[in-house]
N, C-alpha and C. Protein backbone atom coordinates (compact mmCIF):
# COMPACT_ATOMS: atom_id res chain seq x y z
N MET A 1 0.57 -1.05 -0.30
CA MET A 1 -0.06 0.57 0.68
C MET A 1 1.01 0.94 0.02
N GLY A 2 1.64 1.74 0.45
CA GLY A 2 2.37 2.47 -0.06
C GLY A 2 1.90 3.79 0.22
N LEU A 3 2.72 4.90 -0.64
CA LEU A 3 2.13 6.29 -0.19
C LEU A 3 0.28 6.48 -0.97
N THR A 4 -0.13 5.71 -1.83
CA THR A 4 -1.95 6.34 -1.96
C THR A 4 -2.40 6.06 -0.65
N GLY A 5 -2.77 4.94 0.04
CA GLY A 5 -2.54 4.07 0.95
C GLY A 5 -2.83 5.63 1.98
N ASN A 6 -1.58 5.89 2.55
CA ASN A 6 -1.61 7.21 3.71
C ASN A 6 -2.20 8.12 2.98
N LEU A 7 -2.75 8.45 2.08
CA LEU A 7 -3.07 9.93 1.90
C LEU A 7 -4.48 9.28 1.82
N ILE A 8 -5.12 8.52 1.32
CA ILE A 8 -6.59 8.47 1.32
C ILE A 8 -6.95 8.37 2.85
N LYS A 9 -5.90 7.36 4.01
CA LYS A 9 -6.22 7.36 5.38
C LYS A 9 -6.17 9.24 6.15
N ASN A 10 -5.41 9.43 6.12
CA ASN A 10 -5.26 11.20 6.10
C ASN A 10 -6.09 12.16 6.18
N ASN A 11 -6.65 11.85 4.76
CA ASN A 11 -8.31 12.88 4.40
C ASN A 11 -9.36 12.68 4.39
N LYS A 12 -9.69 13.11 5.84
CA LYS A 12 -11.12 12.96 6.65
C LYS A 12 -11.16 14.17 6.78
N GLY A 13 -11.49 15.37 6.64
CA GLY A 13 -12.20 16.14 6.80
C GLY A 13 -12.26 17.57 5.68
N PHE A 14 -12.55 18.32 6.08
CA PHE A 14 -12.97 20.33 5.65
C PHE A 14 -11.65 20.69 5.78
N THR A 15 -10.86 21.07 4.96
CA THR A 15 -9.99 22.08 5.32
C THR A 15 -10.34 23.51 6.30
N LEU A 16 -9.74 24.09 7.46
CA LEU A 16 -10.49 25.31 7.56
C LEU A 16 -10.77 26.67 6.45
N MET A 17 -10.58 26.60 5.22
CA MET A 17 -10.63 26.89 4.04
C MET A 17 -11.39 27.04 3.53
N GLU A 18 -11.40 25.89 3.03
CA GLU A 18 -13.22 25.79 2.76
C GLU A 18 -13.94 25.88 3.70
N LEU A 19 -14.24 25.38 4.82
CA LEU A 19 -15.53 25.65 5.54
C LEU A 19 -15.00 27.10 5.37
N VAL A 20 -14.33 28.09 5.59
CA VAL A 20 -14.44 29.67 5.89
C VAL A 20 -14.58 30.03 4.03
N VAL A 21 -14.47 29.37 3.21
CA VAL A 21 -15.45 30.46 1.66
C VAL A 21 -16.51 29.47 1.70
N THR A 22 -17.04 28.52 2.15
CA THR A 22 -18.59 27.37 2.31
C THR A 22 -19.40 28.88 3.09
N THR A 23 -19.05 28.82 4.57
CA THR A 23 -19.33 30.03 5.25
C THR A 23 -19.68 31.07 4.90
N ALA A 24 -18.72 32.31 4.12
CA ALA A 24 -19.07 33.11 3.66
C ALA A 24 -20.20 33.16 1.97
N ILE A 25 -19.88 32.19 1.71
CA ILE A 25 -21.03 32.27 0.34
C ILE A 25 -22.57 32.23 1.57
N MET A 26 -22.43 31.16 2.60
CA MET A 26 -23.54 30.73 2.53
C MET A 26 -24.36 31.95 3.25
N GLY A 27 -23.44 33.04 3.99
CA GLY A 27 -23.60 34.00 4.85
C GLY A 27 -23.84 35.01 4.07
N THR A 28 -23.38 35.62 2.67
CA THR A 28 -23.65 35.97 1.46
C THR A 28 -25.44 36.00 0.68
N LEU A 29 -24.97 34.52 0.54
CA LEU A 29 -26.44 34.10 0.00
C LEU A 29 -28.06 34.82 0.85
N ALA A 30 -26.87 34.66 2.24
CA ALA A 30 -28.83 34.75 3.36
C ALA A 30 -29.16 35.99 3.48
N ALA A 31 -27.76 37.18 3.36
CA ALA A 31 -27.81 38.61 3.12
C ALA A 31 -29.04 38.92 2.37
N VAL A 32 -28.73 38.03 0.95
CA VAL A 32 -29.41 38.53 -0.03
C VAL A 32 -30.90 37.90 0.14
N ALA A 33 -30.74 37.28 0.56
CA ALA A 33 -32.57 36.38 0.24
C ALA A 33 -33.91 36.63 1.25
N VAL A 34 -33.15 36.98 3.00
CA VAL A 34 -33.56 37.71 3.97
C VAL A 34 -34.76 38.49 3.65
N PRO A 35 -33.79 39.74 2.80
CA PRO A 35 -34.24 40.98 2.73
C PRO A 35 -35.58 40.78 1.78
N LYS A 36 -35.21 40.00 0.90
CA LYS A 36 -36.60 39.50 -0.42
C LYS A 36 -37.51 38.63 -0.04
N PHE A 37 -37.27 38.34 0.37
CA PHE A 37 -38.30 37.21 1.54
C PHE A 37 -38.60 38.52 2.21
N ALA A 38 -39.29 38.44 3.61
CA ALA A 38 -39.14 39.69 4.01
C ALA A 38 -40.29 40.49 3.44
N GLU A 39 -39.69 41.17 2.36
CA GLU A 39 -40.34 42.10 1.31
C GLU A 39 -41.74 41.25 0.52
N GLN A 40 -41.50 40.04 0.00
CA GLN A 40 -42.21 39.53 -0.89
C GLN A 40 -42.98 39.33 -0.02
N GLN A 41 -43.29 38.81 1.59
CA GLN A 41 -44.47 38.85 2.11
C GLN A 41 -45.19 39.84 2.42
N GLU A 42 -44.46 40.68 2.19
CA GLU A 42 -45.24 42.15 2.70
C GLU A 42 -46.38 42.78 1.33
N GLU A 43 -45.50 42.14 0.02
CA GLU A 43 -46.16 42.26 -1.19
C GLU A 43 -47.42 41.10 -0.91
N ALA A 44 -47.09 40.06 -0.43
CA ALA A 44 -48.28 38.73 -0.57
C ALA A 44 -49.32 39.20 0.43
N LYS A 45 -48.67 40.01 1.56
CA LYS A 45 -49.89 41.06 2.91
C LYS A 45 -50.96 41.88 1.72
N VAL A 46 -50.01 42.45 0.86
CA VAL A 46 -50.97 44.11 0.66
C VAL A 46 -51.55 42.99 -0.96
N ARG A 47 -50.86 41.88 -0.74
CA ARG A 47 -52.52 41.56 -2.76
C ARG A 47 -53.49 40.58 -2.29
N THR A 48 -52.85 39.79 -0.95
CA THR A 48 -54.22 39.79 0.01
C THR A 48 -55.76 40.52 0.38
N THR A 49 -54.75 41.36 1.07
CA THR A 49 -55.51 42.58 1.69
C THR A 49 -56.53 42.92 0.81
N LEU A 50 -55.86 43.13 -0.43
CA LEU A 50 -56.72 44.25 -2.11
C LEU A 50 -57.76 43.66 -2.25
N VAL A 51 -57.11 41.72 -2.79
CA VAL A 51 -58.77 40.60 -3.03
C VAL A 51 -59.56 40.86 -2.23
N ASN A 52 -59.31 41.00 -0.70
CA ASN A 52 -60.86 40.70 0.03
C ASN A 52 -61.31 41.38 0.90
N ILE A 53 -60.35 42.46 0.00
CA ILE A 53 -61.45 44.41 0.13
C ILE A 53 -62.55 43.83 -0.94
N SER A 54 -61.44 43.82 -2.29
CA SER A 54 -62.37 43.64 -3.50
C SER A 54 -63.55 42.58 -2.91
N ILE A 55 -62.94 41.63 -2.82
CA ILE A 55 -64.40 40.76 -2.65
C ILE A 55 -65.46 41.30 -1.34
N ILE A 56 -65.25 41.74 -0.67
CA ILE A 56 -66.10 42.18 0.41
C ILE A 56 -66.77 43.88 -0.20
N GLY A 57 -65.94 44.36 -1.43
CA GLY A 57 -66.61 45.73 -1.64
C GLY A 57 -67.75 45.08 -3.54
N GLN A 58 -66.99 43.71 -3.70
CA GLN A 58 -68.43 43.42 -4.64
C GLN A 58 -69.47 43.46 -3.95
N THR A 59 -69.91 42.54 -2.74
CA THR A 59 -70.35 41.99 -2.07
C THR A 59 -71.59 43.13 -1.76
N MET A 60 -70.30 44.08 -0.88
CA MET A 60 -71.48 45.19 -0.21
C MET A 60 -72.03 45.95 -1.60
N SER A 61 -71.32 46.02 -3.10
CA SER A 61 -72.06 46.48 -4.18
C SER A 61 -73.80 45.93 -4.72
N THR A 62 -73.46 45.13 -4.36
CA THR A 62 -74.20 43.64 -5.29
C THR A 62 -75.41 44.07 -3.46
N ASP A 63 -75.54 44.05 -2.69
CA ASP A 63 -75.95 44.12 -1.40
C ASP A 63 -76.91 45.28 -1.80
N PHE A 64 -75.79 46.15 -2.15
CA PHE A 64 -76.75 47.54 -1.84
C PHE A 64 -77.91 47.49 -3.03
N GLN A 65 -77.09 47.27 -4.15
CA GLN A 65 -78.08 47.44 -5.48
C GLN A 65 -79.22 46.12 -4.99
N ASN A 66 -79.02 45.07 -5.04
CA ASN A 66 -80.30 44.39 -4.48
C ASN A 66 -81.82 44.56 -3.81
N ARG A 67 -81.04 45.90 -2.50
CA ARG A 67 -81.89 46.39 -1.21
C ARG A 67 -82.82 47.99 -1.87
N LEU A 68 -81.62 48.18 -3.51
CA LEU A 68 -82.29 49.11 -3.68
C LEU A 68 -83.38 49.04 -4.47
N THR A 69 -83.02 47.61 -5.30
CA THR A 69 -84.20 47.10 -5.96
C THR A 69 -84.95 47.01 -5.22
N ARG A 70 -85.37 45.31 -4.19
CA ARG A 70 -86.29 45.39 -3.47
C ARG A 70 -86.92 46.61 -3.11
N GLN A 71 -86.94 47.97 -2.75
CA GLN A 71 -87.07 48.31 -2.39
C GLN A 71 -87.78 49.60 -2.85
N GLY A 72 -87.57 49.30 -3.73
CA GLY A 72 -87.74 50.47 -4.97
C GLY A 72 -87.44 51.58 -4.86
N MET A 73 -85.65 51.53 -4.18
CA MET A 73 -84.84 52.83 -3.97
C MET A 73 -84.54 53.38 -4.80
N ASN A 74 -83.93 54.95 -4.06
CA ASN A 74 -83.28 55.34 -5.47
C ASN A 74 -81.65 55.77 -4.64
N GLU A 75 -80.66 55.59 -4.52
CA GLU A 75 -79.33 56.21 -3.84
C GLU A 75 -79.69 57.22 -3.22
N ALA A 76 -80.69 58.03 -3.22
CA ALA A 76 -80.44 59.49 -2.83
C ALA A 76 -81.18 58.71 -1.48
N LYS A 77 -82.50 57.91 -1.31
CA LYS A 77 -83.70 57.96 -0.34
C LYS A 77 -81.84 56.84 1.24
N PHE A 78 -81.68 55.93 0.13
CA PHE A 78 -80.84 55.21 1.20
C PHE A 78 -80.32 55.39 2.21
N SER A 79 -80.71 54.68 3.47
CA SER A 79 -80.18 55.02 4.60
C SER A 79 -79.50 54.31 5.30
N ALA A 80 -78.81 54.50 6.11
CA ALA A 80 -78.62 53.66 6.65
C ALA A 80 -77.58 53.69 8.41
N PRO A 81 -78.15 53.24 9.79
CA PRO A 81 -77.37 54.08 10.58
C PRO A 81 -76.13 53.97 11.05
N ILE A 82 -76.84 55.44 11.08
CA ILE A 82 -74.51 56.07 11.75
C ILE A 82 -74.00 55.76 12.53
N ASN A 83 -72.74 55.81 13.08
CA ASN A 83 -71.67 55.30 13.52
C ASN A 83 -71.98 54.01 14.39
N SER A 84 -72.35 52.53 13.06
CA SER A 84 -72.42 51.21 14.00
C SER A 84 -71.96 50.73 13.31
N PRO A 85 -71.34 49.83 14.00
CA PRO A 85 -69.63 49.21 13.92
C PRO A 85 -70.39 48.62 12.59
N ILE A 86 -69.52 47.88 11.96
CA ILE A 86 -69.82 46.12 10.77
C ILE A 86 -68.95 45.09 11.00
N ILE A 87 -68.96 44.47 11.70
CA ILE A 87 -67.73 44.08 11.83
C ILE A 87 -68.60 42.29 10.82
N LEU A 88 -67.28 42.28 10.46
CA LEU A 88 -67.42 40.63 9.62
C LEU A 88 -67.74 39.26 10.83
N ALA A 89 -67.84 39.01 10.76
CA ALA A 89 -68.38 37.83 12.46
C ALA A 89 -69.47 37.47 12.48
N ASN A 90 -70.05 37.29 13.45
CA ASN A 90 -71.50 36.54 14.23
C ASN A 90 -72.06 38.57 14.68
N ASP A 91 -71.94 38.90 14.02
CA ASP A 91 -72.48 39.91 14.77
C ASP A 91 -73.86 40.00 13.90
N SER A 92 -75.28 39.83 14.59
CA SER A 92 -76.67 40.17 14.01
C SER A 92 -77.30 40.84 13.93
N THR A 93 -76.26 42.64 14.37
CA THR A 93 -77.61 43.83 15.56
C THR A 93 -77.36 44.59 13.67
N ASP A 94 -76.72 44.32 12.68
CA ASP A 94 -76.94 45.43 11.44
C ASP A 94 -76.62 44.27 10.07
N ILE A 95 -77.58 45.36 9.50
CA ILE A 95 -78.74 44.93 8.05
C ILE A 95 -77.24 44.16 6.77
N ILE A 96 -76.44 45.03 7.13
CA ILE A 96 -74.65 45.07 6.19
C ILE A 96 -74.18 43.76 6.72
N THR A 97 -74.19 43.31 7.34
CA THR A 97 -73.15 42.46 8.60
C THR A 97 -74.57 41.20 8.41
N THR A 98 -75.36 40.78 8.61
CA THR A 98 -76.08 39.89 8.16
C THR A 98 -76.04 39.48 6.80
N ARG A 99 -76.62 40.19 6.13
CA ARG A 99 -76.57 39.73 4.70
C ARG A 99 -74.69 39.61 3.82
N LEU A 100 -73.88 39.84 4.39
CA LEU A 100 -73.36 39.65 4.39
C LEU A 100 -72.36 37.95 4.49
N ILE A 101 -72.60 38.03 5.81
CA ILE A 101 -72.29 36.51 6.11
C ILE A 101 -72.91 35.45 5.01
N ARG A 102 -74.28 35.87 4.47
CA ARG A 102 -74.92 34.91 4.21
C ARG A 102 -74.19 35.07 2.67
N GLN A 103 -73.81 36.09 2.49
CA GLN A 103 -72.85 35.75 0.78
C GLN A 103 -71.44 35.21 0.75
N MET A 104 -70.46 35.41 1.89
CA MET A 104 -69.48 35.16 1.90
C MET A 104 -69.42 34.15 3.10
N GLU A 105 -69.09 32.58 2.58
CA GLU A 105 -68.30 31.84 2.94
C GLU A 105 -66.54 31.54 2.11
N PRO A 106 -65.85 31.53 2.58
CA PRO A 106 -65.34 32.39 4.25
C PRO A 106 -65.42 33.62 4.35
N ILE A 107 -65.62 34.30 5.61
CA ILE A 107 -64.58 35.61 5.60
C ILE A 107 -64.10 35.62 5.66
N PRO A 108 -63.04 36.88 4.70
CA PRO A 108 -61.93 36.89 4.90
C PRO A 108 -61.48 37.53 6.00
N VAL A 109 -60.15 37.70 6.75
CA VAL A 109 -59.36 38.69 7.51
C VAL A 109 -58.55 38.83 6.83
N SER A 110 -58.19 40.24 7.67
CA SER A 110 -56.67 40.33 7.97
C SER A 110 -55.98 39.65 8.22
N PRO A 111 -54.68 39.37 6.33
CA PRO A 111 -53.38 39.29 6.79
C PRO A 111 -52.33 39.27 7.84
N TYR A 112 -52.87 40.82 7.96
CA TYR A 112 -52.30 41.62 9.09
C TYR A 112 -51.79 40.82 10.25
N ASN A 113 -53.33 40.56 10.98
CA ASN A 113 -53.33 40.55 12.67
C ASN A 113 -54.89 39.63 12.23
N ASP A 114 -55.29 38.96 11.68
CA ASP A 114 -55.84 37.69 11.31
C ASP A 114 -56.61 37.67 11.87
N MET A 115 -57.68 38.81 12.44
CA MET A 115 -59.14 39.26 12.46
C MET A 115 -59.86 39.06 11.21
N PRO A 116 -61.02 39.56 11.67
CA PRO A 116 -62.02 40.11 10.77
C PRO A 116 -62.11 41.76 10.16
N TYR A 117 -62.15 41.66 9.24
CA TYR A 117 -62.24 43.17 8.57
C TYR A 117 -63.33 43.92 9.98
N VAL A 118 -63.11 45.45 9.73
CA VAL A 118 -64.05 46.14 10.74
C VAL A 118 -64.61 47.33 9.83
N PHE A 119 -64.88 47.13 9.13
CA PHE A 119 -66.06 48.62 8.71
C PHE A 119 -67.17 49.44 10.02
N THR A 120 -67.05 51.06 9.80
CA THR A 120 -67.55 52.00 10.00
C THR A 120 -68.70 52.60 9.42
N LEU A 121 -69.67 52.96 9.58
CA LEU A 121 -71.26 53.04 8.65
C LEU A 121 -70.54 54.88 9.75
N ILE A 122 -69.94 56.29 7.85
CA ILE A 122 -70.03 57.60 9.02
C ILE A 122 -71.20 58.63 8.75
N ARG A 123 -72.41 58.32 7.60
CA ARG A 123 -72.82 58.83 7.06
C ARG A 123 -73.89 57.98 6.48
N ASP A 124 -74.96 57.93 6.10
CA ASP A 124 -75.76 57.88 5.51
C ASP A 124 -74.84 56.81 4.09
N GLY A 125 -75.28 55.68 3.98
CA GLY A 125 -74.63 55.07 3.04
C GLY A 125 -73.13 54.96 2.89
N GLU A 126 -72.42 55.44 4.03
CA GLU A 126 -71.31 55.70 3.17
C GLU A 126 -70.66 54.46 4.64
N VAL A 127 -69.08 53.98 4.06
CA VAL A 127 -68.70 53.00 5.12
C VAL A 127 -67.61 52.94 4.79
N LYS A 128 -66.72 53.56 6.51
CA LYS A 128 -64.94 53.49 6.44
C LYS A 128 -64.25 52.41 7.18
N TYR A 129 -63.77 51.49 6.77
CA TYR A 129 -62.73 50.44 6.84
C TYR A 129 -61.62 50.80 8.29
N ILE A 130 -61.88 50.67 8.75
CA ILE A 130 -61.07 51.05 10.44
C ILE A 130 -59.37 49.58 10.29
N PRO A 131 -59.13 50.61 9.27
CA PRO A 131 -57.18 49.90 9.31
C PRO A 131 -56.54 49.46 10.46
N VAL A 132 -55.39 48.60 10.10
CA VAL A 132 -54.53 48.04 11.30
C VAL A 132 -53.45 48.38 10.64
N PRO A 133 -52.70 48.27 11.47
CA PRO A 133 -50.87 49.27 11.18
C PRO A 133 -50.62 49.40 9.71
N GLY A 134 -50.48 49.56 8.73
CA GLY A 134 -49.51 49.01 7.31
C GLY A 134 -50.76 48.48 6.68
N SER A 135 -52.09 48.41 6.79
CA SER A 135 -52.62 48.57 5.77
C SER A 135 -53.28 48.88 4.66
N VAL A 136 -54.67 49.11 3.87
CA VAL A 136 -55.25 49.86 3.44
C VAL A 136 -55.99 50.44 3.64
N ASN A 137 -57.35 52.20 3.43
CA ASN A 137 -58.10 52.66 3.57
C ASN A 137 -59.16 51.99 2.75
N ILE A 138 -60.51 51.82 3.44
CA ILE A 138 -61.43 51.70 2.53
C ILE A 138 -62.77 52.46 2.61
N ASP A 139 -62.91 53.30 1.62
CA ASP A 139 -64.24 54.36 1.74
C ASP A 139 -65.39 54.30 0.66
N TYR A 140 -66.28 53.48 1.08
CA TYR A 140 -67.38 53.06 0.58
C TYR A 140 -68.72 54.50 0.50
N THR A 141 -68.89 55.15 -0.67
CA THR A 141 -69.87 56.25 -0.38
C THR A 141 -71.08 55.09 -1.96
N GLY A 142 -72.12 55.58 -1.28
CA GLY A 142 -72.92 54.00 -2.44
C GLY A 142 -72.43 53.07 -3.09
N PRO A 143 -72.12 53.06 -4.18
CA PRO A 143 -72.26 51.68 -4.48
C PRO A 143 -70.32 51.86 -5.01
N LYS A 144 -70.13 53.38 -5.18
CA LYS A 144 -68.73 52.55 -5.18
C LYS A 144 -67.39 53.50 -4.34
N PHE A 145 -66.60 52.49 -4.03
CA PHE A 145 -65.46 52.12 -3.67
C PHE A 145 -64.19 52.69 -4.00
N THR A 146 -63.76 53.45 -2.71
CA THR A 146 -62.14 53.81 -3.27
C THR A 146 -61.39 53.13 -2.21
N ILE A 147 -60.15 52.73 -2.84
CA ILE A 147 -59.51 52.20 -1.91
C ILE A 147 -57.91 53.03 -1.91
N HIS A 148 -57.62 53.67 -0.27
CA HIS A 148 -56.32 53.93 -0.48
C HIS A 148 -55.52 53.90 0.29
N ASP A 149 -53.46 53.80 0.61
CA ASP A 149 -53.03 53.75 1.48
C ASP A 149 -53.49 55.05 2.12
N PRO A 150 -53.41 54.69 4.34
CA PRO A 150 -53.84 55.47 5.20
C PRO A 150 -52.83 56.65 5.35
N ASN A 151 -51.79 56.59 5.29
CA ASN A 151 -50.62 57.94 5.00
C ASN A 151 -50.96 58.68 3.56
N ASP A 152 -51.90 58.30 2.87
CA ASP A 152 -51.89 59.14 1.23
C ASP A 152 -52.54 59.40 0.92
N PRO A 153 -54.31 60.15 1.22
CA PRO A 153 -55.67 59.59 1.47
C PRO A 153 -55.10 60.25 -0.19
N ILE A 154 -54.49 60.19 -0.92
CA ILE A 154 -54.66 61.52 -2.22
C ILE A 154 -54.78 60.69 -2.97
N ASN A 155 -54.07 59.69 -3.22
CA ASN A 155 -53.39 58.28 -4.05
C ASN A 155 -53.97 57.28 -4.12
N LEU A 156 -55.27 57.56 -4.82
CA LEU A 156 -56.04 55.78 -4.53
C LEU A 156 -55.46 54.21 -5.25
N ILE A 157 -55.02 53.37 -4.68
CA ILE A 157 -54.66 52.05 -5.34
C ILE A 157 -55.63 51.48 -5.78
N MET A 158 -57.01 51.51 -5.12
CA MET A 158 -58.55 50.57 -6.43
C MET A 158 -59.76 51.47 -5.89
N GLU A 159 -60.28 51.67 -7.16
CA GLU A 159 -61.28 52.33 -7.43
C GLU A 159 -62.69 51.26 -7.86
N PHE A 160 -63.44 51.00 -7.65
CA PHE A 160 -64.51 50.18 -8.25
C PHE A 160 -66.47 50.17 -8.11
N SER A 161 -66.87 50.25 -8.91
CA SER A 161 -67.87 51.29 -9.40
C SER A 161 -69.15 49.18 -9.14
N PRO A 162 -69.79 48.80 -9.05
CA PRO A 162 -70.72 48.11 -9.75
C PRO A 162 -71.59 47.78 -10.47
């Protein structure tokens, strides 16, 4: 066995240089990947919020139009209790809530805190979404919805009507 056998027996692990280089590469990859991953998570929350709000908005718009049609009313005559919370949960005290519950399964929850979205009627037929930190505002006047960042109310993220 001579020289070749001795080389194989003594080569039992990685050298310090190989470990340092591997650790440096892994650290560099982690430094690049972790911020991107966090950014993607935040973008996913924003997209989820917009989709959920769009679903809620379409449901509210449809419900609004159905009530106007059934009651033979126009938008100017429509009124709702002022300052009553609309919580998308098992709250049977508000007309919009109870109608929405039957139409929306499962009830969307905020990706920021895993709680149902909370809305407040601030004037006749106008609904305001109460945001959690990092989320968006929704304003609903009649059948028209506007969605905007609470820190930048002028620039709309989304606007739609039924």
